[in-house]
């Protein structure tokens, strides 16, 4: 009976040692993958600005609405994105670059002048709808950047501006 307990105890020690070794191998592998991921290029850049195409040059935008756009919309919806340090660290950089490229594709304040009148109308309607519903600013971004969240007064100002252009 004592021999059985000794073998059982030795087996447990060996099992724990093996488990620790596996955890260490997994941790080292994960670290190597994370370091290697830093060498995968990501498109974290701003396209050239054409000031004449900016919404501020092609539409009358009240200062209050401009301030809202600059504070809460520019990082994803313009060619003036501020890329913070963590936007250059994979895998976070991949998500941020994807979100910015998607944001610009849907609506770009820097390229407003290149939109057709119909597209401008659609975008204006979408802006008001998205800020009213709380879909914009994006909840992932707002979670980490609390200052960009819109108050009800700011939402109302954006929608009032949109209505004034129709």
N, C-alpha and C. Protein backbone atom coordinates (compact mmCIF):
# COMPACT_ATOMS: atom_id res chain seq x y z
N UNK A 1 0.81 -1.20 0.00
CA UNK A 1 0.00 0.00 0.00
C UNK A 1 0.86 1.27 0.00
N UNK A 2 1.92 1.27 0.81
CA UNK A 2 2.81 2.43 0.87
C UNK A 2 3.51 2.63 -0.48
N UNK A 3 3.88 1.55 -1.15
CA UNK A 3 4.53 1.63 -2.46
C UNK A 3 3.60 2.24 -3.50
N UNK A 4 2.31 1.90 -3.39
CA UNK A 4 1.32 2.44 -4.32
C UNK A 4 1.23 3.96 -4.16
N UNK A 5 1.20 4.41 -2.89
CA UNK A 5 1.11 5.85 -2.61
C UNK A 5 2.35 6.57 -3.13
N UNK A 6 3.49 5.96 -2.97
CA UNK A 6 4.74 6.56 -3.43
C UNK A 6 4.71 6.72 -4.96
N UNK A 7 4.29 5.66 -5.65
CA UNK A 7 4.19 5.73 -7.12
C UNK A 7 3.16 6.76 -7.55
N UNK A 8 2.03 6.81 -6.83
CA UNK A 8 0.98 7.77 -7.15
C UNK A 8 1.50 9.20 -6.96
N UNK A 9 2.22 9.46 -5.88
CA UNK A 9 2.79 10.79 -5.62
C UNK A 9 3.82 11.17 -6.66
N UNK A 10 4.64 10.22 -7.05
CA UNK A 10 5.66 10.46 -8.07
C UNK A 10 4.98 10.77 -9.40
N UNK A 11 3.93 10.07 -9.70
CA UNK A 11 3.19 10.31 -10.95
C UNK A 11 2.59 11.71 -10.96
N UNK A 12 2.07 12.15 -9.82
CA UNK A 12 1.49 13.51 -9.74
C UNK A 12 2.57 14.57 -9.95
N UNK A 13 3.72 14.38 -9.32
CA UNK A 13 4.83 15.32 -9.49
C UNK A 13 5.25 15.37 -10.95
N UNK A 14 5.38 14.22 -11.57
CA UNK A 14 5.77 14.15 -12.99
C UNK A 14 4.71 14.83 -13.86
N UNK A 15 3.45 14.61 -13.53
CA UNK A 15 2.36 15.23 -14.30
C UNK A 15 2.40 16.75 -14.17
N UNK A 16 2.61 17.27 -12.95
CA UNK A 16 2.69 18.72 -12.73
C UNK A 16 3.90 19.32 -13.45
N UNK A 17 5.01 18.59 -13.42
CA UNK A 17 6.21 19.05 -14.11
C UNK A 17 5.96 19.12 -15.61
N UNK A 18 5.32 18.11 -16.15
CA UNK A 18 5.00 18.09 -17.57
C UNK A 18 4.04 19.24 -17.92
N UNK A 19 3.05 19.47 -17.04
CA UNK A 19 2.09 20.55 -17.27
C UNK A 19 2.79 21.90 -17.25
N UNK A 20 3.70 22.12 -16.30
CA UNK A 20 4.45 23.38 -16.24
C UNK A 20 5.30 23.56 -17.50
N UNK A 21 5.91 22.48 -17.94
CA UNK A 21 6.75 22.54 -19.14
C UNK A 21 5.90 22.90 -20.36
N UNK A 22 4.72 22.31 -20.48
CA UNK A 22 3.81 22.61 -21.60
C UNK A 22 3.36 24.08 -21.56
N UNK A 23 3.01 24.56 -20.37
CA UNK A 23 2.59 25.96 -20.23
C UNK A 23 3.73 26.90 -20.64
N UNK A 24 4.94 26.56 -20.24
CA UNK A 24 6.10 27.37 -20.60
C UNK A 24 6.30 27.36 -22.11
N UNK A 25 6.17 26.20 -22.75
CA UNK A 25 6.32 26.09 -24.19
C UNK A 25 5.25 26.91 -24.91
N UNK A 26 4.03 26.82 -24.42
CA UNK A 26 2.94 27.59 -25.02
C UNK A 26 3.20 29.09 -24.86
N UNK A 27 3.63 29.50 -23.68
CA UNK A 27 3.93 30.92 -23.44
C UNK A 27 5.04 31.43 -24.33
N UNK A 28 6.11 30.65 -24.47
CA UNK A 28 7.22 31.06 -25.34
C UNK A 28 6.77 31.11 -26.79
N UNK A 29 5.98 30.14 -27.21
CA UNK A 29 5.46 30.13 -28.59
C UNK A 29 4.58 31.35 -28.85
N UNK A 30 3.72 31.68 -27.89
CA UNK A 30 2.84 32.84 -28.04
C UNK A 30 3.67 34.12 -28.12
N UNK A 31 4.70 34.23 -27.31
CA UNK A 31 5.57 35.41 -27.34
C UNK A 31 6.29 35.52 -28.67
N UNK A 32 6.78 34.42 -29.19
CA UNK A 32 7.46 34.42 -30.50
C UNK A 32 6.48 34.86 -31.59
N UNK A 33 5.26 34.32 -31.56
CA UNK A 33 4.24 34.72 -32.55
C UNK A 33 3.92 36.21 -32.45
N UNK A 34 3.78 36.71 -31.23
CA UNK A 34 3.49 38.13 -31.03
C UNK A 34 4.63 38.99 -31.57
N UNK A 35 5.85 38.60 -31.30
CA UNK A 35 6.99 39.36 -31.82
C UNK A 35 7.05 39.29 -33.34
N UNK A 36 6.81 38.12 -33.91
CA UNK A 36 6.82 37.97 -35.36
C UNK A 36 5.70 38.80 -36.01
N UNK A 37 4.57 38.91 -35.32
CA UNK A 37 3.43 39.68 -35.86
C UNK A 37 3.77 41.15 -36.03
N UNK A 38 4.75 41.64 -35.29
CA UNK A 38 5.13 43.05 -35.40
C UNK A 38 5.72 43.38 -36.77
N UNK A 39 6.16 42.35 -37.49
CA UNK A 39 6.77 42.57 -38.80
C UNK A 39 5.77 42.48 -39.95
N UNK A 40 4.51 42.20 -39.63
CA UNK A 40 3.47 42.17 -40.65
C UNK A 40 3.02 43.61 -40.89
N UNK A 41 3.22 44.13 -42.10
CA UNK A 41 2.89 45.54 -42.35
C UNK A 41 1.38 45.80 -42.27
N UNK A 42 1.05 46.96 -41.78
CA UNK A 42 -0.35 47.37 -41.68
C UNK A 42 -0.45 48.77 -42.28
N UNK A 43 -1.54 49.05 -42.96
CA UNK A 43 -1.71 50.34 -43.65
C UNK A 43 -2.12 51.47 -42.73
N UNK A 44 -1.28 51.79 -41.78
CA UNK A 44 -1.58 52.89 -40.85
C UNK A 44 -0.95 54.18 -41.39
N UNK A 45 -1.61 54.75 -42.36
CA UNK A 45 -1.12 55.99 -42.96
C UNK A 45 -2.31 56.87 -43.34
N UNK A 46 -2.02 58.11 -43.61
CA UNK A 46 -3.06 59.04 -44.04
C UNK A 46 -2.84 59.39 -45.50
N UNK A 47 -3.87 59.22 -46.32
CA UNK A 47 -3.75 59.66 -47.72
C UNK A 47 -3.53 61.17 -47.79
N UNK A 48 -3.04 61.60 -48.91
CA UNK A 48 -2.79 63.04 -49.10
C UNK A 48 -4.11 63.81 -48.96
N UNK A 49 -3.99 64.97 -48.36
CA UNK A 49 -5.16 65.84 -48.21
C UNK A 49 -5.30 66.75 -49.42
N UNK A 50 -6.52 66.90 -49.88
CA UNK A 50 -6.85 67.87 -50.91
C UNK A 50 -7.83 68.82 -50.24
N UNK A 51 -7.32 69.93 -49.69
CA UNK A 51 -8.17 70.82 -48.88
C UNK A 51 -9.47 71.23 -49.56
N UNK A 52 -9.46 71.39 -50.85
CA UNK A 52 -10.67 71.82 -51.57
C UNK A 52 -11.77 70.75 -51.52
N UNK A 53 -11.44 69.50 -51.23
CA UNK A 53 -12.42 68.42 -51.17
C UNK A 53 -13.04 68.26 -49.78
N UNK A 54 -12.46 68.90 -48.80
CA UNK A 54 -12.93 68.77 -47.41
C UNK A 54 -14.37 69.26 -47.25
N UNK A 55 -15.08 68.64 -46.35
CA UNK A 55 -16.46 69.04 -46.07
C UNK A 55 -16.51 70.49 -45.62
N UNK A 56 -15.45 70.95 -44.95
CA UNK A 56 -15.43 72.32 -44.43
C UNK A 56 -15.25 73.36 -45.54
N UNK A 57 -14.76 72.92 -46.69
CA UNK A 57 -14.59 73.82 -47.83
C UNK A 57 -15.79 73.77 -48.78
N UNK A 58 -16.57 72.69 -48.70
CA UNK A 58 -17.65 72.50 -49.67
C UNK A 58 -19.04 72.65 -49.09
N UNK A 59 -19.16 72.70 -47.76
CA UNK A 59 -20.45 72.83 -47.08
C UNK A 59 -20.30 73.86 -45.96
N UNK A 60 -21.35 74.58 -45.68
CA UNK A 60 -21.30 75.42 -44.48
C UNK A 60 -21.44 74.53 -43.24
N UNK A 61 -20.42 74.49 -42.40
CA UNK A 61 -20.43 73.66 -41.20
C UNK A 61 -20.26 74.58 -39.99
N UNK A 62 -21.28 74.65 -39.14
CA UNK A 62 -21.16 75.50 -37.95
C UNK A 62 -19.98 75.05 -37.07
N UNK A 63 -19.41 75.99 -36.37
CA UNK A 63 -18.24 75.70 -35.53
C UNK A 63 -18.51 74.57 -34.53
N UNK A 64 -19.70 74.54 -33.96
CA UNK A 64 -20.03 73.50 -32.98
C UNK A 64 -20.01 72.11 -33.63
N UNK A 65 -20.55 72.00 -34.84
CA UNK A 65 -20.57 70.71 -35.55
C UNK A 65 -19.17 70.35 -36.00
N UNK A 66 -18.42 71.34 -36.45
CA UNK A 66 -17.03 71.08 -36.84
C UNK A 66 -16.24 70.53 -35.65
N UNK A 67 -16.44 71.11 -34.51
CA UNK A 67 -15.76 70.66 -33.30
C UNK A 67 -16.13 69.21 -32.96
N UNK A 68 -17.40 68.88 -33.11
CA UNK A 68 -17.87 67.50 -32.88
C UNK A 68 -17.18 66.55 -33.86
N UNK A 69 -17.17 66.93 -35.14
CA UNK A 69 -16.53 66.09 -36.14
C UNK A 69 -15.04 65.90 -35.84
N UNK A 70 -14.36 67.00 -35.51
CA UNK A 70 -12.92 66.92 -35.26
C UNK A 70 -12.61 66.08 -34.02
N UNK A 71 -13.45 66.17 -33.01
CA UNK A 71 -13.21 65.44 -31.77
C UNK A 71 -13.65 63.98 -31.85
N UNK A 72 -14.76 63.72 -32.51
CA UNK A 72 -15.37 62.39 -32.45
C UNK A 72 -15.36 61.59 -33.74
N UNK A 73 -15.06 62.22 -34.86
CA UNK A 73 -15.20 61.52 -36.15
C UNK A 73 -13.91 61.43 -36.97
N UNK A 74 -13.04 62.40 -36.83
CA UNK A 74 -11.87 62.49 -37.72
C UNK A 74 -10.97 61.27 -37.72
N UNK A 75 -10.78 60.63 -36.58
CA UNK A 75 -9.82 59.52 -36.54
C UNK A 75 -10.22 58.35 -37.43
N UNK A 76 -11.49 58.18 -37.68
CA UNK A 76 -11.93 57.08 -38.55
C UNK A 76 -12.51 57.55 -39.88
N UNK A 77 -12.96 58.79 -39.92
CA UNK A 77 -13.70 59.26 -41.10
C UNK A 77 -13.04 60.46 -41.78
N UNK A 78 -11.73 60.49 -41.79
CA UNK A 78 -11.03 61.54 -42.52
C UNK A 78 -9.63 61.05 -42.87
N UNK A 79 -8.93 61.85 -43.65
CA UNK A 79 -7.54 61.54 -43.97
C UNK A 79 -6.60 62.22 -42.98
N UNK A 80 -7.14 62.60 -41.83
CA UNK A 80 -6.35 63.24 -40.78
C UNK A 80 -6.36 62.37 -39.51
N UNK A 81 -6.28 61.09 -39.66
CA UNK A 81 -6.28 60.16 -38.52
C UNK A 81 -5.06 60.39 -37.65
N UNK A 82 -5.28 60.44 -36.36
CA UNK A 82 -4.17 60.46 -35.40
C UNK A 82 -3.92 59.00 -35.01
N UNK A 83 -2.76 58.50 -35.35
CA UNK A 83 -2.42 57.10 -35.09
C UNK A 83 -1.66 57.02 -33.77
N UNK A 84 -2.32 56.60 -32.68
CA UNK A 84 -1.62 56.51 -31.39
C UNK A 84 -0.58 55.39 -31.41
N UNK A 85 0.28 55.38 -30.43
CA UNK A 85 1.38 54.40 -30.38
C UNK A 85 0.89 52.96 -30.51
N UNK A 86 -0.25 52.65 -29.87
CA UNK A 86 -0.73 51.26 -29.89
C UNK A 86 -1.31 50.86 -31.25
N UNK A 87 -1.50 51.83 -32.13
CA UNK A 87 -1.99 51.49 -33.47
C UNK A 87 -0.86 50.94 -34.34
N UNK A 88 0.33 50.85 -33.76
CA UNK A 88 1.48 50.28 -34.46
C UNK A 88 1.93 48.97 -33.83
N UNK A 89 1.12 48.44 -32.91
CA UNK A 89 1.46 47.20 -32.22
C UNK A 89 0.44 46.11 -32.59
N UNK A 90 0.93 45.08 -33.27
CA UNK A 90 0.06 43.98 -33.66
C UNK A 90 -0.32 43.17 -32.42
N UNK A 91 -1.46 42.58 -32.40
CA UNK A 91 -2.51 42.52 -33.43
C UNK A 91 -3.50 43.68 -33.35
N UNK A 92 -3.37 44.55 -32.36
CA UNK A 92 -4.28 45.69 -32.23
C UNK A 92 -4.22 46.57 -33.48
N UNK A 93 -3.03 46.73 -34.04
CA UNK A 93 -2.85 47.57 -35.22
C UNK A 93 -3.70 47.09 -36.39
N UNK A 94 -3.85 45.78 -36.51
CA UNK A 94 -4.65 45.24 -37.62
C UNK A 94 -6.10 45.65 -37.48
N UNK A 95 -6.64 45.57 -36.28
CA UNK A 95 -8.03 45.93 -36.05
C UNK A 95 -8.25 47.43 -36.27
N UNK A 96 -7.34 48.25 -35.75
CA UNK A 96 -7.48 49.70 -35.88
C UNK A 96 -7.40 50.10 -37.35
N UNK A 97 -6.40 49.59 -38.07
CA UNK A 97 -6.26 49.94 -39.48
C UNK A 97 -7.49 49.50 -40.27
N UNK A 98 -8.00 48.33 -39.98
CA UNK A 98 -9.21 47.85 -40.66
C UNK A 98 -10.38 48.78 -40.39
N UNK A 99 -10.58 49.15 -39.13
CA UNK A 99 -11.70 50.02 -38.77
C UNK A 99 -11.57 51.40 -39.43
N UNK A 100 -10.36 51.95 -39.47
CA UNK A 100 -10.15 53.26 -40.11
C UNK A 100 -10.43 53.17 -41.61
N UNK A 101 -9.90 52.14 -42.26
CA UNK A 101 -10.13 52.00 -43.70
C UNK A 101 -11.62 51.82 -44.01
N UNK A 102 -12.31 51.04 -43.18
CA UNK A 102 -13.76 50.87 -43.36
C UNK A 102 -14.49 52.19 -43.11
N UNK A 103 -14.09 52.90 -42.07
CA UNK A 103 -14.73 54.19 -41.77
C UNK A 103 -14.57 55.17 -42.92
N UNK A 104 -13.37 55.25 -43.47
CA UNK A 104 -13.12 56.15 -44.61
C UNK A 104 -13.92 55.71 -45.82
N UNK A 105 -14.04 54.41 -46.02
CA UNK A 105 -14.78 53.91 -47.18
C UNK A 105 -16.26 54.29 -47.09
N UNK A 106 -16.81 54.25 -45.90
CA UNK A 106 -18.23 54.58 -45.72
C UNK A 106 -18.51 56.07 -45.77
N UNK A 107 -17.57 56.86 -45.22
CA UNK A 107 -17.81 58.29 -45.12
C UNK A 107 -16.49 58.96 -44.80
N UNK A 108 -16.06 59.88 -45.67
CA UNK A 108 -14.77 60.54 -45.47
C UNK A 108 -14.95 62.05 -45.53
N UNK A 109 -14.76 62.69 -44.39
CA UNK A 109 -14.89 64.14 -44.31
C UNK A 109 -13.89 64.86 -45.21
N UNK A 110 -12.75 64.25 -45.44
CA UNK A 110 -11.70 64.86 -46.27
C UNK A 110 -11.99 64.76 -47.75
N UNK A 111 -12.93 63.91 -48.15
CA UNK A 111 -13.22 63.70 -49.58
C UNK A 111 -14.66 64.04 -49.92
N UNK A 112 -15.31 64.79 -49.05
CA UNK A 112 -16.72 65.14 -49.23
C UNK A 112 -16.99 65.79 -50.58
N UNK A 113 -16.12 66.66 -51.03
CA UNK A 113 -16.31 67.37 -52.29
C UNK A 113 -16.32 66.46 -53.51
N UNK A 114 -15.80 65.26 -53.38
CA UNK A 114 -15.78 64.33 -54.51
C UNK A 114 -17.06 63.51 -54.61
N UNK A 115 -17.94 63.60 -53.61
CA UNK A 115 -19.19 62.84 -53.62
C UNK A 115 -20.22 63.51 -54.53
N UNK A 116 -21.04 62.69 -55.17
CA UNK A 116 -22.15 63.22 -55.96
C UNK A 116 -23.20 63.80 -55.00
N UNK A 117 -24.10 64.61 -55.52
CA UNK A 117 -25.15 65.19 -54.68
C UNK A 117 -25.99 64.09 -54.03
N UNK A 118 -26.28 63.04 -54.78
CA UNK A 118 -27.07 61.93 -54.23
C UNK A 118 -26.31 61.23 -53.10
N UNK A 119 -25.03 61.01 -53.31
CA UNK A 119 -24.23 60.35 -52.27
C UNK A 119 -24.13 61.24 -51.03
N UNK A 120 -24.00 62.54 -51.23
CA UNK A 120 -23.96 63.47 -50.08
C UNK A 120 -25.25 63.38 -49.28
N UNK A 121 -26.37 63.35 -49.99
CA UNK A 121 -27.68 63.26 -49.33
C UNK A 121 -27.78 61.97 -48.52
N UNK A 122 -27.34 60.86 -49.11
CA UNK A 122 -27.36 59.57 -48.40
C UNK A 122 -26.47 59.61 -47.17
N UNK A 123 -25.30 60.20 -47.31
CA UNK A 123 -24.36 60.27 -46.18
C UNK A 123 -24.91 61.17 -45.08
N UNK A 124 -25.51 62.28 -45.44
CA UNK A 124 -26.09 63.18 -44.45
C UNK A 124 -27.18 62.46 -43.64
N UNK A 125 -28.03 61.76 -44.36
CA UNK A 125 -29.10 61.00 -43.68
C UNK A 125 -28.49 59.96 -42.74
N UNK A 126 -27.46 59.29 -43.22
CA UNK A 126 -26.80 58.26 -42.43
C UNK A 126 -26.12 58.84 -41.19
N UNK A 127 -25.51 60.01 -41.34
CA UNK A 127 -24.83 60.65 -40.20
C UNK A 127 -25.82 60.87 -39.06
N UNK A 128 -26.93 61.49 -39.37
CA UNK A 128 -27.92 61.79 -38.34
C UNK A 128 -28.47 60.50 -37.73
N UNK A 129 -28.78 59.55 -38.58
CA UNK A 129 -29.32 58.28 -38.10
C UNK A 129 -28.33 57.57 -37.17
N UNK A 130 -27.08 57.53 -37.56
CA UNK A 130 -26.07 56.80 -36.77
C UNK A 130 -25.77 57.47 -35.44
N UNK A 131 -25.70 58.81 -35.43
CA UNK A 131 -25.44 59.46 -34.14
C UNK A 131 -26.68 59.40 -33.24
N UNK A 132 -27.85 59.48 -33.83
CA UNK A 132 -29.09 59.39 -33.04
C UNK A 132 -29.23 58.00 -32.41
N UNK A 133 -28.92 56.97 -33.17
CA UNK A 133 -29.03 55.59 -32.67
C UNK A 133 -27.89 55.21 -31.72
N UNK A 134 -26.86 56.05 -31.64
CA UNK A 134 -25.71 55.73 -30.80
C UNK A 134 -24.75 54.76 -31.46
N UNK A 135 -24.92 54.55 -32.77
CA UNK A 135 -24.02 53.64 -33.50
C UNK A 135 -22.66 54.30 -33.76
N UNK A 136 -22.64 55.62 -33.75
CA UNK A 136 -21.40 56.37 -33.94
C UNK A 136 -21.32 57.42 -32.85
N UNK A 137 -20.15 57.65 -32.35
CA UNK A 137 -18.89 56.98 -32.62
C UNK A 137 -18.95 55.50 -32.23
N UNK A 138 -18.13 54.71 -32.91
CA UNK A 138 -18.10 53.27 -32.70
C UNK A 138 -17.84 52.94 -31.23
N UNK A 139 -18.58 51.97 -30.72
CA UNK A 139 -18.50 51.64 -29.29
C UNK A 139 -17.12 51.12 -28.87
N UNK A 140 -16.42 50.38 -29.76
CA UNK A 140 -15.06 49.91 -29.41
C UNK A 140 -14.14 51.10 -29.19
N UNK A 141 -14.23 52.06 -30.09
CA UNK A 141 -13.37 53.25 -30.01
C UNK A 141 -13.77 54.11 -28.80
N UNK A 142 -15.04 54.28 -28.61
CA UNK A 142 -15.53 55.11 -27.50
C UNK A 142 -15.19 54.51 -26.15
N UNK A 143 -15.10 53.20 -26.08
CA UNK A 143 -14.75 52.54 -24.82
C UNK A 143 -13.37 53.00 -24.33
N UNK A 144 -12.44 53.14 -25.26
CA UNK A 144 -11.08 53.53 -24.91
C UNK A 144 -10.85 55.04 -24.98
N UNK A 145 -11.73 55.75 -25.64
CA UNK A 145 -11.60 57.20 -25.80
C UNK A 145 -12.89 57.86 -25.33
N UNK A 146 -13.05 57.94 -24.06
CA UNK A 146 -14.31 58.41 -23.46
C UNK A 146 -14.68 59.83 -23.87
N UNK A 147 -13.70 60.66 -24.18
CA UNK A 147 -13.96 62.06 -24.52
C UNK A 147 -14.69 62.23 -25.86
N UNK A 148 -14.71 61.18 -26.66
CA UNK A 148 -15.35 61.31 -27.98
C UNK A 148 -16.84 61.02 -27.94
N UNK A 149 -17.32 60.49 -26.84
CA UNK A 149 -18.75 60.18 -26.74
C UNK A 149 -19.57 61.45 -26.90
N UNK A 150 -20.68 61.31 -27.58
CA UNK A 150 -21.53 62.48 -27.86
C UNK A 150 -22.62 62.61 -26.81
N UNK A 151 -22.85 63.85 -26.42
CA UNK A 151 -23.97 64.15 -25.54
C UNK A 151 -25.22 64.27 -26.40
N UNK A 152 -26.36 64.31 -25.75
CA UNK A 152 -27.60 64.46 -26.52
C UNK A 152 -27.62 65.80 -27.24
N UNK A 153 -27.10 66.85 -26.62
CA UNK A 153 -27.03 68.16 -27.27
C UNK A 153 -26.16 68.10 -28.53
N UNK A 154 -25.06 67.37 -28.46
CA UNK A 154 -24.19 67.25 -29.64
C UNK A 154 -24.89 66.46 -30.74
N UNK A 155 -25.59 65.41 -30.37
CA UNK A 155 -26.35 64.63 -31.37
C UNK A 155 -27.40 65.53 -32.04
N UNK A 156 -28.08 66.29 -31.21
CA UNK A 156 -29.11 67.21 -31.74
C UNK A 156 -28.49 68.25 -32.66
N UNK A 157 -27.31 68.77 -32.32
CA UNK A 157 -26.65 69.78 -33.15
C UNK A 157 -26.28 69.20 -34.52
N UNK A 158 -25.77 67.98 -34.53
CA UNK A 158 -25.41 67.34 -35.80
C UNK A 158 -26.65 67.15 -36.65
N UNK A 159 -27.71 66.64 -36.06
CA UNK A 159 -28.95 66.40 -36.83
C UNK A 159 -29.60 67.70 -37.28
N UNK A 160 -29.54 68.73 -36.48
CA UNK A 160 -30.08 70.04 -36.88
C UNK A 160 -29.29 70.57 -38.08
N UNK A 161 -27.98 70.40 -38.04
CA UNK A 161 -27.15 70.83 -39.16
C UNK A 161 -27.51 70.04 -40.42
N UNK A 162 -27.66 68.73 -40.28
CA UNK A 162 -28.04 67.89 -41.43
C UNK A 162 -29.36 68.38 -42.01
N UNK A 163 -30.34 68.62 -41.15
CA UNK A 163 -31.66 69.08 -41.62
C UNK A 163 -31.56 70.44 -42.33
N UNK A 164 -30.65 71.31 -41.86
CA UNK A 164 -30.51 72.63 -42.47
C UNK A 164 -29.96 72.55 -43.89
N UNK A 165 -29.30 71.45 -44.23
CA UNK A 165 -28.74 71.30 -45.57
C UNK A 165 -29.71 70.68 -46.56
N UNK A 166 -30.82 70.23 -46.09
CA UNK A 166 -31.77 69.57 -46.99
C UNK A 166 -32.73 70.54 -47.61
